[in-house]
Amino acid sequence: PGPRDYPGPSPLSEPEAKALAEFTA
């Protein structure tokens, strides 16, 4: 983790990204 460029432990691990992906689908 840091200010930028850390992709996380796995795809869509973060609730914000997951919410946007699910809404898009």
PDB file of all heavy atoms in Angstrom:
ATOM      1  N   PRO A   1       0.814  -1.219   0.000  1.00  0.00           N
ATOM      2  CA  PRO A   1       0.000   0.000   0.000  1.00  0.00           C
ATOM      3  C   PRO A   1       0.848   1.270   0.000  1.00  0.00           C
ATOM      4  O   PRO A   1       1.942   1.311   0.561  1.00  0.00           O
ATOM      5  CB  PRO A   1      -0.799  -0.126   1.295  1.00  0.00           C
ATOM      6  CG  PRO A   1      -0.852  -1.591   1.575  1.00  0.00           C
ATOM      7  CD  PRO A   1       0.457  -2.129   1.105  1.00  0.00           C
ATOM      8  N   GLY A   2       0.307   2.305  -0.630  1.00  0.00           N
ATOM      9  CA  GLY A   2       1.008   3.581  -0.703  1.00  0.00           C
ATOM     10  C   GLY A   2       0.160   4.616  -1.402  1.00  0.00           C
ATOM     11  O   GLY A   2      -1.020   4.380  -1.704  1.00  0.00           O
ATOM     12  N   PRO A   3       0.732   5.777  -1.693  1.00  0.00           N
ATOM     13  CA  PRO A   3      -0.031   6.871  -2.297  1.00  0.00           C
ATOM     14  C   PRO A   3      -0.555   6.554  -3.689  1.00  0.00           C
ATOM     15  O   PRO A   3      -1.561   7.122  -4.110  1.00  0.00           O
ATOM     16  CB  PRO A   3       0.977   8.021  -2.349  1.00  0.00           C
ATOM     17  CG  PRO A   3       2.014   7.679  -1.337  1.00  0.00           C
ATOM     18  CD  PRO A   3       2.100   6.191  -1.336  1.00  0.00           C
ATOM     19  N   ARG A   4       0.122   5.659  -4.437  1.00  0.00           N
ATOM     20  CA  ARG A   4      -0.290   5.381  -5.809  1.00  0.00           C
ATOM     21  C   ARG A   4       0.313   4.060  -6.292  1.00  0.00           C
ATOM     22  O   ARG A   4       1.266   3.546  -5.708  1.00  0.00           O
ATOM     23  CB  ARG A   4       0.148   6.514  -6.747  1.00  0.00           C
ATOM     24  CG  ARG A   4       1.650   6.785  -6.711  1.00  0.00           C
ATOM     25  CD  ARG A   4       2.033   7.881  -7.690  1.00  0.00           C
ATOM     26  NE  ARG A   4       1.796   7.464  -9.061  1.00  0.00           N
ATOM     27  CZ  ARG A   4       1.735   8.305 -10.099  1.00  0.00           C
ATOM     28  NH1 ARG A   4       1.873   9.608  -9.895  1.00  0.00           N
ATOM     29  NH2 ARG A   4       1.531   7.853 -11.307  1.00  0.00           N
ATOM     30  N   ASP A   5      -0.286   3.520  -7.341  1.00  0.00           N
ATOM     31  CA  ASP A   5       0.278   2.422  -8.139  1.00  0.00           C
ATOM     32  C   ASP A   5       0.263   1.049  -7.481  1.00  0.00           C
ATOM     33  O   ASP A   5       0.772   0.092  -8.081  1.00  0.00           O
ATOM     34  CB  ASP A   5       1.715   2.742  -8.569  1.00  0.00           C
ATOM     35  CG  ASP A   5       1.796   3.976  -9.465  1.00  0.00           C
ATOM     36  OD1 ASP A   5       0.758   4.349 -10.042  1.00  0.00           O
ATOM     37  OD2 ASP A   5       2.894   4.570  -9.553  1.00  0.00           O
ATOM     38  N   TYR A   6      -0.317   0.881  -6.300  1.00  0.00           N
ATOM     39  CA  TYR A   6      -0.434  -0.461  -5.727  1.00  0.00           C
ATOM     40  C   TYR A   6      -1.763  -1.061  -6.173  1.00  0.00           C
ATOM     41  O   TYR A   6      -2.827  -0.551  -5.817  1.00  0.00           O
ATOM     42  CB  TYR A   6      -0.361  -0.412  -4.210  1.00  0.00           C
ATOM     43  CG  TYR A   6      -0.616  -1.752  -3.540  1.00  0.00           C
ATOM     44  CD1 TYR A   6       0.101  -2.891  -3.904  1.00  0.00           C
ATOM     45  CD2 TYR A   6      -1.582  -1.881  -2.542  1.00  0.00           C
ATOM     46  CE1 TYR A   6      -0.138  -4.120  -3.302  1.00  0.00           C
ATOM     47  CE2 TYR A   6      -1.826  -3.102  -1.923  1.00  0.00           C
ATOM     48  CZ  TYR A   6      -1.097  -4.212  -2.312  1.00  0.00           C
ATOM     49  OH  TYR A   6      -1.339  -5.442  -1.716  1.00  0.00           O
ATOM     50  N   PRO A   7      -1.747  -2.141  -6.973  1.00  0.00           N
ATOM     51  CA  PRO A   7      -2.986  -2.700  -7.524  1.00  0.00           C
ATOM     52  C   PRO A   7      -3.834  -3.475  -6.527  1.00  0.00           C
ATOM     53  O   PRO A   7      -4.924  -3.928  -6.877  1.00  0.00           O
ATOM     54  CB  PRO A   7      -2.489  -3.628  -8.641  1.00  0.00           C
ATOM     55  CG  PRO A   7      -1.089  -3.204  -8.914  1.00  0.00           C
ATOM     56  CD  PRO A   7      -0.565  -2.742  -7.586  1.00  0.00           C
ATOM     57  N   GLY A   8      -3.340  -3.646  -5.302  1.00  0.00           N
ATOM     58  CA  GLY A   8      -4.093  -4.398  -4.308  1.00  0.00           C
ATOM     59  C   GLY A   8      -3.712  -5.868  -4.296  1.00  0.00           C
ATOM     60  O   GLY A   8      -2.971  -6.348  -5.152  1.00  0.00           O
ATOM     61  N   PRO A   9      -4.234  -6.623  -3.334  1.00  0.00           N
ATOM     62  CA  PRO A   9      -3.885  -8.041  -3.221  1.00  0.00           C
ATOM     63  C   PRO A   9      -4.530  -8.909  -4.290  1.00  0.00           C
ATOM     64  O   PRO A   9      -4.057 -10.014  -4.565  1.00  0.00           O
ATOM     65  CB  PRO A   9      -4.404  -8.419  -1.826  1.00  0.00           C
ATOM     66  CG  PRO A   9      -5.518  -7.448  -1.566  1.00  0.00           C
ATOM     67  CD  PRO A   9      -5.096  -6.166  -2.224  1.00  0.00           C
ATOM     68  N   SER A  10      -5.611  -8.426  -4.906  1.00  0.00           N
ATOM     69  CA  SER A  10      -6.307  -9.178  -5.946  1.00  0.00           C
ATOM     70  C   SER A  10      -7.231  -8.229  -6.690  1.00  0.00           C
ATOM     71  O   SER A  10      -7.556  -7.146  -6.182  1.00  0.00           O
ATOM     72  CB  SER A  10      -7.119 -10.334  -5.343  1.00  0.00           C
ATOM     73  OG  SER A  10      -8.106  -9.824  -4.462  1.00  0.00           O
ATOM     74  N   PRO A  11      -7.670  -8.596  -7.885  1.00  0.00           N
ATOM     75  CA  PRO A  11      -8.621  -7.734  -8.603  1.00  0.00           C
ATOM     76  C   PRO A  11      -9.906  -7.541  -7.800  1.00  0.00           C
ATOM     77  O   PRO A  11     -10.403  -8.469  -7.161  1.00  0.00           O
ATOM     78  CB  PRO A  11      -8.892  -8.507  -9.899  1.00  0.00           C
ATOM     79  CG  PRO A  11      -7.726  -9.413 -10.067  1.00  0.00           C
ATOM     80  CD  PRO A  11      -7.304  -9.790  -8.677  1.00  0.00           C
ATOM     81  N   LEU A  12     -10.395  -6.315  -7.809  1.00  0.00           N
ATOM     82  CA  LEU A  12     -11.665  -5.955  -7.155  1.00  0.00           C
ATOM     83  C   LEU A  12     -11.660  -6.280  -5.664  1.00  0.00           C
ATOM     84  O   LEU A  12     -12.704  -6.585  -5.072  1.00  0.00           O
ATOM     85  CB  LEU A  12     -12.852  -6.639  -7.846  1.00  0.00           C
ATOM     86  CG  LEU A  12     -13.015  -6.357  -9.350  1.00  0.00           C
ATOM     87  CD1 LEU A  12     -14.261  -7.049  -9.885  1.00  0.00           C
ATOM     88  CD2 LEU A  12     -13.074  -4.874  -9.638  1.00  0.00           C
ATOM     89  N   SER A  13     -10.490  -6.207  -5.041  1.00  0.00           N
ATOM     90  CA  SER A  13     -10.421  -6.419  -3.590  1.00  0.00           C
ATOM     91  C   SER A  13     -11.012  -5.250  -2.829  1.00  0.00           C
ATOM     92  O   SER A  13     -11.433  -5.401  -1.673  1.00  0.00           O
ATOM     93  CB  SER A  13      -8.962  -6.620  -3.157  1.00  0.00           C
ATOM     94  OG  SER A  13      -8.192  -5.443  -3.402  1.00  0.00           O
ATOM     95  N   GLU A  14     -11.080  -4.088  -3.453  1.00  0.00           N
ATOM     96  CA  GLU A  14     -11.553  -2.884  -2.762  1.00  0.00           C
ATOM     97  C   GLU A  14     -13.030  -2.651  -3.043  1.00  0.00           C
ATOM     98  O   GLU A  14     -13.495  -2.800  -4.183  1.00  0.00           O
ATOM     99  CB  GLU A  14     -10.731  -1.675  -3.204  1.00  0.00           C
ATOM    100  CG  GLU A  14      -9.242  -1.854  -2.977  1.00  0.00           C
ATOM    101  CD  GLU A  14      -8.927  -2.326  -1.565  1.00  0.00           C
ATOM    102  OE1 GLU A  14      -9.136  -1.541  -0.621  1.00  0.00           O
ATOM    103  OE2 GLU A  14      -8.468  -3.472  -1.404  1.00  0.00           O
ATOM    104  N   PRO A  15     -13.798  -2.277  -2.027  1.00  0.00           N
ATOM    105  CA  PRO A  15     -15.244  -2.149  -2.205  1.00  0.00           C
ATOM    106  C   PRO A  15     -15.646  -1.104  -3.240  1.00  0.00           C
ATOM    107  O   PRO A  15     -16.686  -1.230  -3.890  1.00  0.00           O
ATOM    108  CB  PRO A  15     -15.749  -1.783  -0.806  1.00  0.00           C
ATOM    109  CG  PRO A  15     -14.556  -1.222  -0.093  1.00  0.00           C
ATOM    110  CD  PRO A  15     -13.376  -1.963  -0.648  1.00  0.00           C
ATOM    111  N   GLU A  16     -14.824  -0.060  -3.398  1.00  0.00           N
ATOM    112  CA  GLU A  16     -15.163   0.989  -4.357  1.00  0.00           C
ATOM    113  C   GLU A  16     -15.096   0.454  -5.789  1.00  0.00           C
ATOM    114  O   GLU A  16     -16.005   0.677  -6.606  1.00  0.00           O
ATOM    115  CB  GLU A  16     -14.212   2.181  -4.201  1.00  0.00           C
ATOM    116  CG  GLU A  16     -14.239   2.833  -2.835  1.00  0.00           C
ATOM    117  CD  GLU A  16     -13.203   2.276  -1.858  1.00  0.00           C
ATOM    118  OE1 GLU A  16     -12.650   1.183  -2.142  1.00  0.00           O
ATOM    119  OE2 GLU A  16     -12.943   2.929  -0.836  1.00  0.00           O
ATOM    120  N   ALA A  17     -13.996  -0.266  -6.112  1.00  0.00           N
ATOM    121  CA  ALA A  17     -13.847  -0.840  -7.451  1.00  0.00           C
ATOM    122  C   ALA A  17     -14.892  -1.924  -7.702  1.00  0.00           C
ATOM    123  O   ALA A  17     -15.472  -2.023  -8.791  1.00  0.00           O
ATOM    124  CB  ALA A  17     -12.441  -1.405  -7.624  1.00  0.00           C
ATOM    125  N   LYS A  18     -15.142  -2.728  -6.688  1.00  0.00           N
ATOM    126  CA  LYS A  18     -16.125  -3.796  -6.827  1.00  0.00           C
ATOM    127  C   LYS A  18     -17.518  -3.237  -7.083  1.00  0.00           C
ATOM    128  O   LYS A  18     -18.266  -3.751  -7.936  1.00  0.00           O
ATOM    129  CB  LYS A  18     -16.134  -4.663  -5.566  1.00  0.00           C
ATOM    130  CG  LYS A  18     -17.060  -5.867  -5.653  1.00  0.00           C
ATOM    131  CD  LYS A  18     -16.996  -6.712  -4.390  1.00  0.00           C
ATOM    132  CE  LYS A  18     -17.923  -7.915  -4.482  1.00  0.00           C
ATOM    133  NZ  LYS A  18     -17.905  -8.721  -3.235  1.00  0.00           N
ATOM    134  N   ALA A  19     -17.881  -2.172  -6.371  1.00  0.00           N
ATOM    135  CA  ALA A  19     -19.201  -1.564  -6.555  1.00  0.00           C
ATOM    136  C   ALA A  19     -19.359  -1.040  -7.979  1.00  0.00           C
ATOM    137  O   ALA A  19     -20.410  -1.221  -8.609  1.00  0.00           O
ATOM    138  CB  ALA A  19     -19.399  -0.433  -5.544  1.00  0.00           C
ATOM    139  N   LEU A  20     -18.314  -0.389  -8.499  1.00  0.00           N
ATOM    140  CA  LEU A  20     -18.391   0.168  -9.848  1.00  0.00           C
ATOM    141  C   LEU A  20     -18.469  -0.948 -10.890  1.00  0.00           C
ATOM    142  O   LEU A  20     -19.234  -0.843 -11.864  1.00  0.00           O
ATOM    143  CB  LEU A  20     -17.187   1.062 -10.111  1.00  0.00           C
ATOM    144  CG  LEU A  20     -17.180   1.826 -11.430  1.00  0.00           C
ATOM    145  CD1 LEU A  20     -18.408   2.734 -11.549  1.00  0.00           C
ATOM    146  CD2 LEU A  20     -15.909   2.651 -11.579  1.00  0.00           C
ATOM    147  N   ALA A  21     -17.704  -2.009 -10.702  1.00  0.00           N
ATOM    148  CA  ALA A  21     -17.733  -3.123 -11.643  1.00  0.00           C
ATOM    149  C   ALA A  21     -19.105  -3.813 -11.644  1.00  0.00           C
ATOM    150  O   ALA A  21     -19.653  -4.136 -12.709  1.00  0.00           O
ATOM    151  CB  ALA A  21     -16.636  -4.132 -11.302  1.00  0.00           C
ATOM    152  N   GLU A  22     -19.656  -4.039 -10.472  1.00  0.00           N
ATOM    153  CA  GLU A  22     -20.965  -4.693 -10.380  1.00  0.00           C
ATOM    154  C   GLU A  22     -22.062  -3.820 -10.968  1.00  0.00           C
ATOM    155  O   GLU A  22     -22.976  -4.318 -11.643  1.00  0.00           O
ATOM    156  CB  GLU A  22     -21.275  -5.034  -8.920  1.00  0.00           C
ATOM    157  CG  GLU A  22     -20.399  -6.158  -8.366  1.00  0.00           C
ATOM    158  CD  GLU A  22     -20.694  -6.466  -6.907  1.00  0.00           C
ATOM    159  OE1 GLU A  22     -21.388  -5.650  -6.246  1.00  0.00           O
ATOM    160  OE2 GLU A  22     -20.229  -7.520  -6.424  1.00  0.00           O
ATOM    161  N   PHE A  23     -21.985  -2.521 -10.737  1.00  0.00           N
ATOM    162  CA  PHE A  23     -22.970  -1.600 -11.304  1.00  0.00           C
ATOM    163  C   PHE A  23     -22.884  -1.603 -12.831  1.00  0.00           C
ATOM    164  O   PHE A  23     -23.904  -1.610 -13.528  1.00  0.00           O
ATOM    165  CB  PHE A  23     -22.717  -0.199 -10.749  1.00  0.00           C
ATOM    166  CG  PHE A  23     -23.650   0.857 -11.272  1.00  0.00           C
ATOM    167  CD1 PHE A  23     -25.011   0.790 -11.029  1.00  0.00           C
ATOM    168  CD2 PHE A  23     -23.163   1.934 -12.001  1.00  0.00           C
ATOM    169  CE1 PHE A  23     -25.871   1.777 -11.507  1.00  0.00           C
ATOM    170  CE2 PHE A  23     -24.003   2.922 -12.472  1.00  0.00           C
ATOM    171  CZ  PHE A  23     -25.363   2.837 -12.228  1.00  0.00           C
ATOM    172  N   THR A  24     -21.663  -1.617 -13.354  1.00  0.00           N
ATOM    173  CA  THR A  24     -21.455  -1.637 -14.800  1.00  0.00           C
ATOM    174  C   THR A  24     -22.019  -2.911 -15.417  1.00  0.00           C
ATOM    175  O   THR A  24     -22.694  -2.871 -16.455  1.00  0.00           O
ATOM    176  CB  THR A  24     -19.951  -1.513 -15.118  1.00  0.00           C
ATOM    177  OG1 THR A  24     -19.453  -0.280 -14.567  1.00  0.00           O
ATOM    178  CG2 THR A  24     -19.696  -1.532 -16.613  1.00  0.00           C
ATOM    179  N   ALA A  25     -21.757  -4.039 -14.790  1.00  0.00           N
ATOM    180  CA  ALA A  25     -22.262  -5.315 -15.297  1.00  0.00           C
ATOM    181  C   ALA A  25     -23.793  -5.363 -15.236  1.00  0.00           C
ATOM    182  O   ALA A  25     -24.451  -5.885 -16.138  1.00  0.00           O
ATOM    183  CB  ALA A  25     -21.663  -6.464 -14.491  1.00  0.00           C
TER     184      ALA A  25
END
